[in-house]
Amino acid sequence: MKRETQSFYQQTVTRAVQRVVDGLDAALDLGALAKSASLSAFHFHRVFRGMVGETALELHRRLRLERAAWCLVETDSPVTTIAFDAGYETHEAFTRAFRKRYARSPSEARKQRPGVDCLRPFQIELAAPSGIHFRPEGFAALEIQFTQGESNMNVDITTLDELRVAAVRHVGPYSRISEAFARLGSLAGPAGLIAGDSKMLAIYHDDPEATAEAELRSDAGVSVKANAKLPEGLDEHRIVAGRYARMLHVGPYEQLGDAWSRLLGQWLPASGERLGDGLSFEIYENTPMDVPKNELRTVLHVSLA
């Protein structure tokens, strides 16, 4: 069963990678890519990143830059044309991006063509854990070096009862969800909804790769009793009963994106499990007001089929 499930996710991600490498001439439609993989945008981004070692957008940008580098060395196309083909609107933007990755300007790279003086040939391929690089002849068959799962991930599988959640919607950068938690406290606290057994949690709805920061949707929530009356300003959500994978992350909130990628991109494909239809969410066992950043305890929850 584990081997079949791992194969399922590998095949799913391989098809997505194929769509990326075949679509270098167009802007990447991350929503369509996730839909073709039959995953939500939130889950697709993290499964892909965890298995490939970079996001689909990062892969797309890197391959475009590698193609641009190949064109600089192997063709006489003007730099401006190469820049436009790589998705950059100006020569200057392309030069900045190229220099950041290759530590030289496009014109300097062009001077290192094979057979020019005695310089070492310019290396077009950028470091990538997946081993996927631009090939002018295209890809007859993809051979992806998938990231191997960590053996020390603290993951277990549990069955949860339905959880009723009172929440405040936050629209904007996920890093500013604390603003929604402040509003949640000002509404739920006076209403007596925050008790000793309450769970503080966050639900994230959008993929930050595919959605503009200003439009990202998330909910700052607290678990409440089934008969509790919610005051105006609080929305109700239901975390459905069922099986969930839980992973404890100890450390700064800034590292949670990496933790999600390890859980969904490494543990999940090797686990023999598949994603369920329920929400994925985080439960916070303490807060930055209680402990230093490196002692923060966050439990990631993923719905399983």
C-alpha atoms as a PDB file:
ATOM      1  CA  MET A   1       0.000   0.000   0.000  1.00  0.00           C
ATOM      2  CA  LYS A   2       2.828   2.414   0.875  1.00  0.00           C
ATOM      3  CA  ARG A   3       4.559   1.727  -2.417  1.00  0.00           C
ATOM      4  CA  GLU A   4       1.322   2.267  -4.359  1.00  0.00           C
ATOM      5  CA  THR A   5       0.635   5.579  -2.598  1.00  0.00           C
ATOM      6  CA  GLN A   6       4.203   6.783  -3.063  1.00  0.00           C
ATOM      7  CA  SER A   7       3.919   5.878  -6.738  1.00  0.00           C
ATOM      8  CA  PHE A   8       0.622   7.805  -6.945  1.00  0.00           C
ATOM      9  CA  TYR A   9       2.204  11.033  -5.675  1.00  0.00           C
ATOM     10  CA  GLN A  10       5.345  10.534  -7.754  1.00  0.00           C
ATOM     11  CA  GLN A  11       3.235  10.081 -10.884  1.00  0.00           C
ATOM     12  CA  THR A  12       1.120  13.119  -9.972  1.00  0.00           C
ATOM     13  CA  VAL A  13       4.161  15.339  -9.444  1.00  0.00           C
ATOM     14  CA  THR A  14       5.945  13.951 -12.512  1.00  0.00           C
ATOM     15  CA  ARG A  15       2.975  14.955 -14.692  1.00  0.00           C
ATOM     16  CA  ALA A  16       3.051  18.419 -13.126  1.00  0.00           C
ATOM     17  CA  VAL A  17       6.794  18.765 -13.764  1.00  0.00           C
ATOM     18  CA  GLN A  18       6.217  17.696 -17.370  1.00  0.00           C
ATOM     19  CA  ARG A  19       3.647  20.465 -17.776  1.00  0.00           C
ATOM     20  CA  VAL A  20       6.163  22.952 -16.364  1.00  0.00           C
ATOM     21  CA  VAL A  21       9.025  21.939 -18.669  1.00  0.00           C
ATOM     22  CA  ASP A  22       6.687  21.863 -21.676  1.00  0.00           C
ATOM     23  CA  GLY A  23       5.314  25.324 -20.903  1.00  0.00           C
ATOM     24  CA  LEU A  24       8.385  27.543 -20.693  1.00  0.00           C
ATOM     25  CA  ASP A  25       7.045  29.848 -23.406  1.00  0.00           C
ATOM     26  CA  ALA A  26       4.032  30.916 -21.337  1.00  0.00           C
ATOM     27  CA  ALA A  27       3.335  32.240 -17.859  1.00  0.00           C
ATOM     28  CA  LEU A  28       2.753  29.412 -15.401  1.00  0.00           C
ATOM     29  CA  ASP A  29      -0.880  28.906 -14.404  1.00  0.00           C
ATOM     30  CA  LEU A  30      -0.500  27.471 -10.905  1.00  0.00           C
ATOM     31  CA  GLY A  31      -4.232  27.085 -10.401  1.00  0.00           C
ATOM     32  CA  ALA A  32      -4.561  24.966 -13.536  1.00  0.00           C
ATOM     33  CA  LEU A  33      -1.484  22.979 -12.529  1.00  0.00           C
ATOM     34  CA  ALA A  34      -2.992  22.129  -9.131  1.00  0.00           C
ATOM     35  CA  LYS A  35      -6.344  21.268 -10.715  1.00  0.00           C
ATOM     36  CA  SER A  36      -4.694  18.908 -13.179  1.00  0.00           C
ATOM     37  CA  ALA A  37      -3.033  17.183 -10.213  1.00  0.00           C
ATOM     38  CA  SER A  38      -6.454  16.814  -8.490  1.00  0.00           C
ATOM     39  CA  LEU A  39      -5.116  18.609  -5.405  1.00  0.00           C
ATOM     40  CA  SER A  40      -6.088  21.856  -3.734  1.00  0.00           C
ATOM     41  CA  ALA A  41      -3.713  24.731  -4.432  1.00  0.00           C
ATOM     42  CA  PHE A  42      -2.647  24.720  -0.758  1.00  0.00           C
ATOM     43  CA  HIS A  43      -1.744  21.027  -0.796  1.00  0.00           C
ATOM     44  CA  PHE A  44      -0.279  20.997  -4.314  1.00  0.00           C
ATOM     45  CA  HIS A  45       2.242  23.724  -3.527  1.00  0.00           C
ATOM     46  CA  ARG A  46       3.550  21.870  -0.493  1.00  0.00           C
ATOM     47  CA  VAL A  47       3.523  18.363  -1.969  1.00  0.00           C
ATOM     48  CA  PHE A  48       5.387  19.612  -5.051  1.00  0.00           C
ATOM     49  CA  ARG A  49       7.942  21.609  -3.077  1.00  0.00           C
ATOM     50  CA  GLY A  50       8.551  18.790  -0.615  1.00  0.00           C
ATOM     51  CA  MET A  51       9.099  16.169  -3.336  1.00  0.00           C
ATOM     52  CA  VAL A  52      10.976  18.256  -5.912  1.00  0.00           C
ATOM     53  CA  GLY A  53      12.939  20.573  -3.632  1.00  0.00           C
ATOM     54  CA  GLU A  54      11.545  23.775  -5.139  1.00  0.00           C
ATOM     55  CA  THR A  55       8.097  25.091  -5.948  1.00  0.00           C
ATOM     56  CA  ALA A  56       6.583  24.785  -9.399  1.00  0.00           C
ATOM     57  CA  LEU A  57       7.072  28.534  -9.902  1.00  0.00           C
ATOM     58  CA  GLU A  58      10.717  28.341  -8.803  1.00  0.00           C
ATOM     59  CA  LEU A  59      11.274  25.414 -11.189  1.00  0.00           C
ATOM     60  CA  HIS A  60       9.649  27.354 -14.036  1.00  0.00           C
ATOM     61  CA  ARG A  61      11.756  30.465 -13.383  1.00  0.00           C
ATOM     62  CA  ARG A  62      14.987  28.465 -13.048  1.00  0.00           C
ATOM     63  CA  LEU A  63      14.430  26.548 -16.288  1.00  0.00           C
ATOM     64  CA  ARG A  64      13.666  29.798 -18.103  1.00  0.00           C
ATOM     65  CA  LEU A  65      16.927  31.264 -16.809  1.00  0.00           C
ATOM     66  CA  GLU A  66      18.843  28.133 -17.830  1.00  0.00           C
ATOM     67  CA  ARG A  67      17.289  28.381 -21.295  1.00  0.00           C
ATOM     68  CA  ALA A  68      18.283  32.047 -21.438  1.00  0.00           C
ATOM     69  CA  ALA A  69      21.847  31.144 -20.455  1.00  0.00           C
ATOM     70  CA  TRP A  70      21.949  28.481 -23.193  1.00  0.00           C
ATOM     71  CA  CYS A  71      20.703  31.009 -25.745  1.00  0.00           C
ATOM     72  CA  LEU A  72      23.386  33.502 -24.693  1.00  0.00           C
ATOM     73  CA  VAL A  73      26.113  30.916 -25.208  1.00  0.00           C
ATOM     74  CA  GLU A  74      24.798  28.989 -28.214  1.00  0.00           C
ATOM     75  CA  THR A  75      22.954  31.611 -30.288  1.00  0.00           C
ATOM     76  CA  ASP A  76      23.359  35.181 -31.506  1.00  0.00           C
ATOM     77  CA  SER A  77      19.890  36.277 -30.368  1.00  0.00           C
ATOM     78  CA  PRO A  78      19.853  39.805 -28.898  1.00  0.00           C
ATOM     79  CA  VAL A  79      19.919  39.933 -25.095  1.00  0.00           C
ATOM     80  CA  THR A  80      16.629  41.853 -25.065  1.00  0.00           C
ATOM     81  CA  THR A  81      14.903  39.092 -27.036  1.00  0.00           C
ATOM     82  CA  ILE A  82      16.297  36.451 -24.689  1.00  0.00           C
ATOM     83  CA  ALA A  83      15.116  38.501 -21.710  1.00  0.00           C
ATOM     84  CA  PHE A  84      11.548  38.728 -23.078  1.00  0.00           C
ATOM     85  CA  ASP A  85      11.500  34.981 -23.828  1.00  0.00           C
ATOM     86  CA  ALA A  86      12.545  34.343 -20.202  1.00  0.00           C
ATOM     87  CA  GLY A  87       9.522  36.283 -18.961  1.00  0.00           C
ATOM     88  CA  TYR A  88      11.183  39.582 -18.045  1.00  0.00           C
ATOM     89  CA  GLU A  89       9.648  42.840 -19.189  1.00  0.00           C
ATOM     90  CA  THR A  90      12.910  44.797 -19.260  1.00  0.00           C
ATOM     91  CA  HIS A  91      16.555  44.173 -20.016  1.00  0.00           C
ATOM     92  CA  GLU A  92      17.413  45.551 -16.564  1.00  0.00           C
ATOM     93  CA  ALA A  93      15.129  43.152 -14.682  1.00  0.00           C
ATOM     94  CA  PHE A  94      16.571  40.219 -16.594  1.00  0.00           C
ATOM     95  CA  THR A  95      20.145  41.344 -15.894  1.00  0.00           C
ATOM     96  CA  ARG A  96      19.423  41.621 -12.147  1.00  0.00           C
ATOM     97  CA  ALA A  97      17.851  38.156 -11.990  1.00  0.00           C
ATOM     98  CA  PHE A  98      20.602  36.624 -14.127  1.00  0.00           C
ATOM     99  CA  ARG A  99      23.410  38.162 -12.078  1.00  0.00           C
ATOM    100  CA  LYS A 100      21.772  37.012  -8.836  1.00  0.00           C
ATOM    101  CA  ARG A 101      21.793  33.365  -9.971  1.00  0.00           C
ATOM    102  CA  TYR A 102      24.941  33.261 -12.141  1.00  0.00           C
ATOM    103  CA  ALA A 103      27.119  35.904 -10.425  1.00  0.00           C
ATOM    104  CA  ARG A 104      27.763  37.639 -13.758  1.00  0.00           C
ATOM    105  CA  SER A 105      25.858  39.690 -16.295  1.00  0.00           C
ATOM    106  CA  PRO A 106      24.347  38.216 -19.480  1.00  0.00           C
ATOM    107  CA  SER A 107      27.024  39.934 -21.585  1.00  0.00           C
ATOM    108  CA  GLU A 108      29.776  38.440 -19.406  1.00  0.00           C
ATOM    109  CA  ALA A 109      28.221  34.989 -19.797  1.00  0.00           C
ATOM    110  CA  ARG A 110      28.122  35.407 -23.572  1.00  0.00           C
ATOM    111  CA  LYS A 111      31.876  36.012 -23.587  1.00  0.00           C
ATOM    112  CA  GLN A 112      32.398  32.526 -22.134  1.00  0.00           C
ATOM    113  CA  ARG A 113      31.215  30.622 -25.181  1.00  0.00           C
ATOM    114  CA  PRO A 114      32.948  27.309 -25.861  1.00  0.00           C
ATOM    115  CA  GLY A 115      36.193  27.899 -27.750  1.00  0.00           C
ATOM    116  CA  VAL A 116      36.425  31.596 -26.834  1.00  0.00           C
ATOM    117  CA  ASP A 117      39.960  32.232 -25.546  1.00  0.00           C
ATOM    118  CA  CYS A 118      41.006  29.733 -22.875  1.00  0.00           C
ATOM    119  CA  LEU A 119      38.225  30.484 -20.442  1.00  0.00           C
ATOM    120  CA  ARG A 120      36.397  27.681 -18.729  1.00  0.00           C
ATOM    121  CA  PRO A 121      33.053  27.144 -20.523  1.00  0.00           C
ATOM    122  CA  PHE A 122      30.133  28.873 -18.824  1.00  0.00           C
ATOM    123  CA  GLN A 123      28.051  26.416 -16.747  1.00  0.00           C
ATOM    124  CA  ILE A 124      24.413  26.766 -17.719  1.00  0.00           C
ATOM    125  CA  GLU A 125      22.875  24.392 -15.174  1.00  0.00           C
ATOM    126  CA  LEU A 126      21.932  25.863 -11.805  1.00  0.00           C
ATOM    127  CA  ALA A 127      21.992  23.667  -8.708  1.00  0.00           C
ATOM    128  CA  ALA A 128      18.721  21.741  -8.298  1.00  0.00           C
ATOM    129  CA  PRO A 129      17.974  18.762  -6.030  1.00  0.00           C
ATOM    130  CA  SER A 130      15.568  17.300  -8.598  1.00  0.00           C
ATOM    131  CA  GLY A 131      18.216  17.013 -11.334  1.00  0.00           C
ATOM    132  CA  ILE A 132      15.802  18.589 -13.841  1.00  0.00           C
ATOM    133  CA  HIS A 133      17.561  21.078 -16.133  1.00  0.00           C
ATOM    134  CA  PHE A 134      16.870  22.784 -19.443  1.00  0.00           C
ATOM    135  CA  ARG A 135      17.491  20.584 -22.459  1.00  0.00           C
ATOM    136  CA  PRO A 136      17.396  22.239 -25.914  1.00  0.00           C
ATOM    137  CA  GLU A 137      16.246  18.936 -27.410  1.00  0.00           C
ATOM    138  CA  GLY A 138      13.400  18.672 -24.895  1.00  0.00           C
ATOM    139  CA  PHE A 139      12.537  15.849 -22.509  1.00  0.00           C
ATOM    140  CA  ALA A 140      11.719  12.458 -23.955  1.00  0.00           C
ATOM    141  CA  ALA A 141      11.291  11.071 -20.452  1.00  0.00           C
ATOM    142  CA  LEU A 142      11.641  12.767 -17.090  1.00  0.00           C
ATOM    143  CA  GLU A 143      13.894  11.262 -14.435  1.00  0.00           C
ATOM    144  CA  ILE A 144      13.283  13.226 -11.259  1.00  0.00           C
ATOM    145  CA  GLN A 145      15.449  12.799  -8.191  1.00  0.00           C
ATOM    146  CA  PHE A 146      12.703  13.053  -5.611  1.00  0.00           C
ATOM    147  CA  THR A 147      13.602  14.366  -2.170  1.00  0.00           C
ATOM    148  CA  GLN A 148      13.788  11.541   0.341  1.00  0.00           C
ATOM    149  CA  GLY A 149      11.661  11.791   3.457  1.00  0.00           C
ATOM    150  CA  GLU A 150      13.252  12.491   6.802  1.00  0.00           C
ATOM    151  CA  SER A 151      13.312   9.620   9.266  1.00  0.00           C
ATOM    152  CA  ASN A 152      13.015  11.844  12.334  1.00  0.00           C
ATOM    153  CA  MET A 153       9.770  13.648  11.519  1.00  0.00           C
ATOM    154  CA  ASN A 154       7.468  13.604  14.539  1.00  0.00           C
ATOM    155  CA  VAL A 155       4.266  12.482  12.787  1.00  0.00           C
ATOM    156  CA  ASP A 156       1.434  10.330  14.084  1.00  0.00           C
ATOM    157  CA  ILE A 157      -2.075   9.491  12.864  1.00  0.00           C
ATOM    158  CA  THR A 158      -5.084  10.158  15.052  1.00  0.00           C
ATOM    159  CA  THR A 159      -8.871  10.218  14.824  1.00  0.00           C
ATOM    160  CA  LEU A 160     -10.454  13.557  15.740  1.00  0.00           C
ATOM    161  CA  ASP A 161     -14.011  14.329  16.742  1.00  0.00           C
ATOM    162  CA  GLU A 162     -15.738  17.184  14.949  1.00  0.00           C
ATOM    163  CA  LEU A 163     -14.394  20.526  16.094  1.00  0.00           C
ATOM    164  CA  ARG A 164     -16.509  23.673  16.076  1.00  0.00           C
ATOM    165  CA  VAL A 165     -14.431  26.766  15.516  1.00  0.00           C
ATOM    166  CA  ALA A 166     -15.199  30.458  16.018  1.00  0.00           C
ATOM    167  CA  ALA A 167     -12.965  32.465  13.719  1.00  0.00           C
ATOM    168  CA  VAL A 168     -12.010  35.849  12.325  1.00  0.00           C
ATOM    169  CA  ARG A 169     -11.178  35.997   8.613  1.00  0.00           C
ATOM    170  CA  HIS A 170      -7.823  37.510   7.661  1.00  0.00           C
ATOM    171  CA  VAL A 171      -7.152  38.650   4.099  1.00  0.00           C
ATOM    172  CA  GLY A 172      -3.540  39.522   3.391  1.00  0.00           C
ATOM    173  CA  PRO A 173      -0.043  38.153   4.063  1.00  0.00           C
ATOM    174  CA  TYR A 174      -0.119  35.002   6.183  1.00  0.00           C
ATOM    175  CA  SER A 175       2.665  36.466   8.322  1.00  0.00           C
ATOM    176  CA  ARG A 176       0.184  39.067   9.591  1.00  0.00           C
ATOM    177  CA  ILE A 177      -2.489  36.656  10.799  1.00  0.00           C
ATOM    178  CA  SER A 178      -1.608  37.820  14.324  1.00  0.00           C
ATOM    179  CA  GLU A 179      -3.782  40.863  13.568  1.00  0.00           C
ATOM    180  CA  ALA A 180      -6.763  38.539  13.156  1.00  0.00           C
ATOM    181  CA  PHE A 181      -5.883  36.750  16.407  1.00  0.00           C
ATOM    182  CA  ALA A 182      -5.949  40.135  18.156  1.00  0.00           C
ATOM    183  CA  ARG A 183      -9.465  40.765  16.796  1.00  0.00           C
ATOM    184  CA  LEU A 184     -10.447  37.218  17.750  1.00  0.00           C
ATOM    185  CA  GLY A 185      -9.347  37.816  21.346  1.00  0.00           C
ATOM    186  CA  SER A 186     -11.269  41.078  21.567  1.00  0.00           C
ATOM    187  CA  LEU A 187     -14.485  39.320  20.492  1.00  0.00           C
ATOM    188  CA  ALA A 188     -14.178  35.802  21.890  1.00  0.00           C
ATOM    189  CA  GLY A 189     -12.676  36.801  25.248  1.00  0.00           C
ATOM    190  CA  PRO A 190     -15.526  39.039  26.514  1.00  0.00           C
ATOM    191  CA  ALA A 191     -18.029  36.451  25.204  1.00  0.00           C
ATOM    192  CA  GLY A 192     -16.464  33.801  27.457  1.00  0.00           C
ATOM    193  CA  LEU A 193     -15.485  31.586  24.538  1.00  0.00           C
ATOM    194  CA  ILE A 194     -11.829  31.176  25.498  1.00  0.00           C
ATOM    195  CA  ALA A 195     -11.728  28.550  28.233  1.00  0.00           C
ATOM    196  CA  GLY A 196      -9.006  26.333  29.665  1.00  0.00           C
ATOM    197  CA  ASP A 197      -9.652  23.556  27.153  1.00  0.00           C
ATOM    198  CA  SER A 198      -9.958  25.871  24.127  1.00  0.00           C
ATOM    199  CA  LYS A 199      -7.626  25.270  21.206  1.00  0.00           C
ATOM    200  CA  MET A 200      -6.170  28.227  19.306  1.00  0.00           C
ATOM    201  CA  LEU A 201      -5.779  27.390  15.639  1.00  0.00           C
ATOM    202  CA  ALA A 202      -5.326  28.768  12.138  1.00  0.00           C
ATOM    203  CA  ILE A 203      -6.817  27.589   8.859  1.00  0.00           C
ATOM    204  CA  TYR A 204      -5.112  28.554   5.584  1.00  0.00           C
ATOM    205  CA  HIS A 205      -7.121  28.509   2.363  1.00  0.00           C
ATOM    206  CA  ASP A 206      -4.853  29.726  -0.453  1.00  0.00           C
ATOM    207  CA  ASP A 207      -1.527  28.858  -2.035  1.00  0.00           C
ATOM    208  CA  PRO A 208       0.866  31.811  -1.596  1.00  0.00           C
ATOM    209  CA  GLU A 209       2.547  30.840  -4.879  1.00  0.00           C
ATOM    210  CA  ALA A 210      -0.657  31.230  -6.872  1.00  0.00           C
ATOM    211  CA  THR A 211      -2.450  34.005  -4.952  1.00  0.00           C
ATOM    212  CA  ALA A 212      -1.351  37.608  -4.507  1.00  0.00           C
ATOM    213  CA  GLU A 213      -0.265  38.355  -0.930  1.00  0.00           C
ATOM    214  CA  ALA A 214      -2.991  40.939  -0.543  1.00  0.00           C
ATOM    215  CA  GLU A 215      -5.642  38.316  -1.416  1.00  0.00           C
ATOM    216  CA  LEU A 216      -4.522  35.371   0.729  1.00  0.00           C
ATOM    217  CA  ARG A 217      -7.347  34.061   2.928  1.00  0.00           C
ATOM    218  CA  SER A 218      -6.858  32.561   6.367  1.00  0.00           C
ATOM    219  CA  ASP A 219      -8.836  32.215   9.588  1.00  0.00           C
ATOM    220  CA  ALA A 220      -7.686  32.804  13.152  1.00  0.00           C
ATOM    221  CA  GLY A 221      -9.851  30.580  15.304  1.00  0.00           C
ATOM    222  CA  VAL A 222     -10.619  29.093  18.673  1.00  0.00           C
ATOM    223  CA  SER A 223     -12.469  25.857  19.369  1.00  0.00           C
ATOM    224  CA  VAL A 224     -15.820  26.385  21.078  1.00  0.00           C
ATOM    225  CA  LYS A 225     -18.543  24.223  22.611  1.00  0.00           C
ATOM    226  CA  ALA A 226     -21.364  22.969  20.426  1.00  0.00           C
ATOM    227  CA  ASN A 227     -23.988  25.137  22.166  1.00  0.00           C
ATOM    228  CA  ALA A 228     -21.903  28.301  22.517  1.00  0.00           C
ATOM    229  CA  LYS A 229     -23.465  31.473  21.081  1.00  0.00           C
ATOM    230  CA  LEU A 230     -21.121  33.339  18.773  1.00  0.00           C
ATOM    231  CA  PRO A 231     -21.123  37.152  18.936  1.00  0.00           C
ATOM    232  CA  GLU A 232     -21.363  39.271  15.823  1.00  0.00           C
ATOM    233  CA  GLY A 233     -18.054  39.416  13.993  1.00  0.00           C
ATOM    234  CA  LEU A 234     -17.133  35.760  14.464  1.00  0.00           C
ATOM    235  CA  ASP A 235     -17.600  33.164  11.712  1.00  0.00           C
ATOM    236  CA  GLU A 236     -18.292  29.488  12.347  1.00  0.00           C
ATOM    237  CA  HIS A 237     -16.205  26.680  10.814  1.00  0.00           C
ATOM    238  CA  ARG A 238     -16.385  22.926  11.279  1.00  0.00           C
ATOM    239  CA  ILE A 239     -13.301  20.738  11.356  1.00  0.00           C
ATOM    240  CA  VAL A 240     -14.875  17.457  10.251  1.00  0.00           C
ATOM    241  CA  ALA A 241     -14.380  14.297  12.271  1.00  0.00           C
ATOM    242  CA  GLY A 242     -11.993  11.768  10.809  1.00  0.00           C
ATOM    243  CA  ARG A 243      -8.411  10.631  10.472  1.00  0.00           C
ATOM    244  CA  TYR A 244      -5.640  13.219  10.561  1.00  0.00           C
ATOM    245  CA  ALA A 245      -1.877  13.155  10.371  1.00  0.00           C
ATOM    246  CA  ARG A 246      -0.298  15.309  13.078  1.00  0.00           C
ATOM    247  CA  MET A 247       3.215  16.730  13.020  1.00  0.00           C
ATOM    248  CA  LEU A 248       4.724  18.691  15.891  1.00  0.00           C
ATOM    249  CA  HIS A 249       6.896  21.628  14.882  1.00  0.00           C
ATOM    250  CA  VAL A 250       9.046  23.193  17.580  1.00  0.00           C
ATOM    251  CA  GLY A 251      10.543  26.513  16.575  1.00  0.00           C
ATOM    252  CA  PRO A 252       9.762  29.889  14.976  1.00  0.00           C
ATOM    253  CA  TYR A 253       6.595  30.412  12.986  1.00  0.00           C
ATOM    254  CA  GLU A 254       8.790  31.516  10.055  1.00  0.00           C
ATOM    255  CA  GLN A 255       9.800  27.855   9.620  1.00  0.00           C
ATOM    256  CA  LEU A 256       6.243  26.528   9.328  1.00  0.00           C
ATOM    257  CA  GLY A 257       6.254  26.689   5.518  1.00  0.00           C
ATOM    258  CA  ASP A 258       9.209  24.299   5.453  1.00  0.00           C
ATOM    259  CA  ALA A 259       7.480  22.047   8.008  1.00  0.00           C
ATOM    260  CA  TRP A 260       4.355  21.831   5.823  1.00  0.00           C
ATOM    261  CA  SER A 261       6.502  20.931   2.816  1.00  0.00           C
ATOM    262  CA  ARG A 262       8.232  18.125   4.723  1.00  0.00           C
ATOM    263  CA  LEU A 263       4.915  16.771   5.973  1.00  0.00           C
ATOM    264  CA  LEU A 264       3.095  16.866   2.627  1.00  0.00           C
ATOM    265  CA  GLY A 265       5.998  16.410   0.250  1.00  0.00           C
ATOM    266  CA  GLN A 266       8.080  13.821   2.092  1.00  0.00           C
ATOM    267  CA  TRP A 267       6.120  12.061   4.830  1.00  0.00           C
ATOM    268  CA  LEU A 268       2.799  11.797   2.951  1.00  0.00           C
ATOM    269  CA  PRO A 269       4.070  10.132  -0.264  1.00  0.00           C
ATOM    270  CA  ALA A 270       6.062   7.574   1.767  1.00  0.00           C
ATOM    271  CA  SER A 271       3.326   6.928   4.333  1.00  0.00           C
ATOM    272  CA  GLY A 272       0.835   4.870   2.348  1.00  0.00           C
ATOM    273  CA  GLU A 273      -1.818   7.530   3.066  1.00  0.00           C
ATOM    274  CA  ARG A 274      -3.761   9.871   0.806  1.00  0.00           C
ATOM    275  CA  LEU A 275      -5.224  13.281   1.490  1.00  0.00           C
ATOM    276  CA  GLY A 276      -8.791  13.511   2.727  1.00  0.00           C
ATOM    277  CA  ASP A 277     -11.435  16.163   2.077  1.00  0.00           C
ATOM    278  CA  GLY A 278     -11.165  17.943   5.432  1.00  0.00           C
ATOM    279  CA  LEU A 279      -9.369  21.203   6.176  1.00  0.00           C
ATOM    280  CA  SER A 280      -5.685  21.357   7.001  1.00  0.00           C
ATOM    281  CA  PHE A 281      -4.918  23.501  10.019  1.00  0.00           C
ATOM    282  CA  GLU A 282      -2.441  24.403  12.779  1.00  0.00           C
ATOM    283  CA  ILE A 283      -3.018  24.217  16.533  1.00  0.00           C
ATOM    284  CA  TYR A 284      -0.835  26.393  18.770  1.00  0.00           C
ATOM    285  CA  GLU A 285       0.136  24.846  22.103  1.00  0.00           C
ATOM    286  CA  ASN A 286       1.778  28.053  23.342  1.00  0.00           C
ATOM    287  CA  THR A 287       2.319  31.625  22.148  1.00  0.00           C
ATOM    288  CA  PRO A 288       5.178  34.098  21.613  1.00  0.00           C
ATOM    289  CA  MET A 289       3.980  35.818  24.791  1.00  0.00           C
ATOM    290  CA  ASP A 290       4.716  32.666  26.802  1.00  0.00           C
ATOM    291  CA  VAL A 291       7.993  31.301  25.414  1.00  0.00           C
ATOM    292  CA  PRO A 292      10.970  32.258  23.194  1.00  0.00           C
ATOM    293  CA  LYS A 293      10.631  31.706  19.428  1.00  0.00           C
ATOM    294  CA  ASN A 294      12.680  28.490  19.420  1.00  0.00           C
ATOM    295  CA  GLU A 295      10.286  26.927  21.978  1.00  0.00           C
ATOM    296  CA  LEU A 296       7.026  27.620  20.138  1.00  0.00           C
ATOM    297  CA  ARG A 297       5.014  24.411  19.676  1.00  0.00           C
ATOM    298  CA  THR A 298       2.729  24.159  16.636  1.00  0.00           C
ATOM    299  CA  VAL A 299       0.879  20.989  15.624  1.00  0.00           C
ATOM    300  CA  LEU A 300       0.149  20.681  11.906  1.00  0.00           C
ATOM    301  CA  HIS A 301      -2.955  18.664  10.995  1.00  0.00           C
ATOM    302  CA  VAL A 302      -3.685  17.116   7.590  1.00  0.00           C
ATOM    303  CA  SER A 303      -6.947  15.369   6.746  1.00  0.00           C
ATOM    304  CA  LEU A 304      -6.463  11.782   5.542  1.00  0.00           C
ATOM    305  CA  ALA A 305      -8.739   9.630   3.412  1.00  0.00           C
END
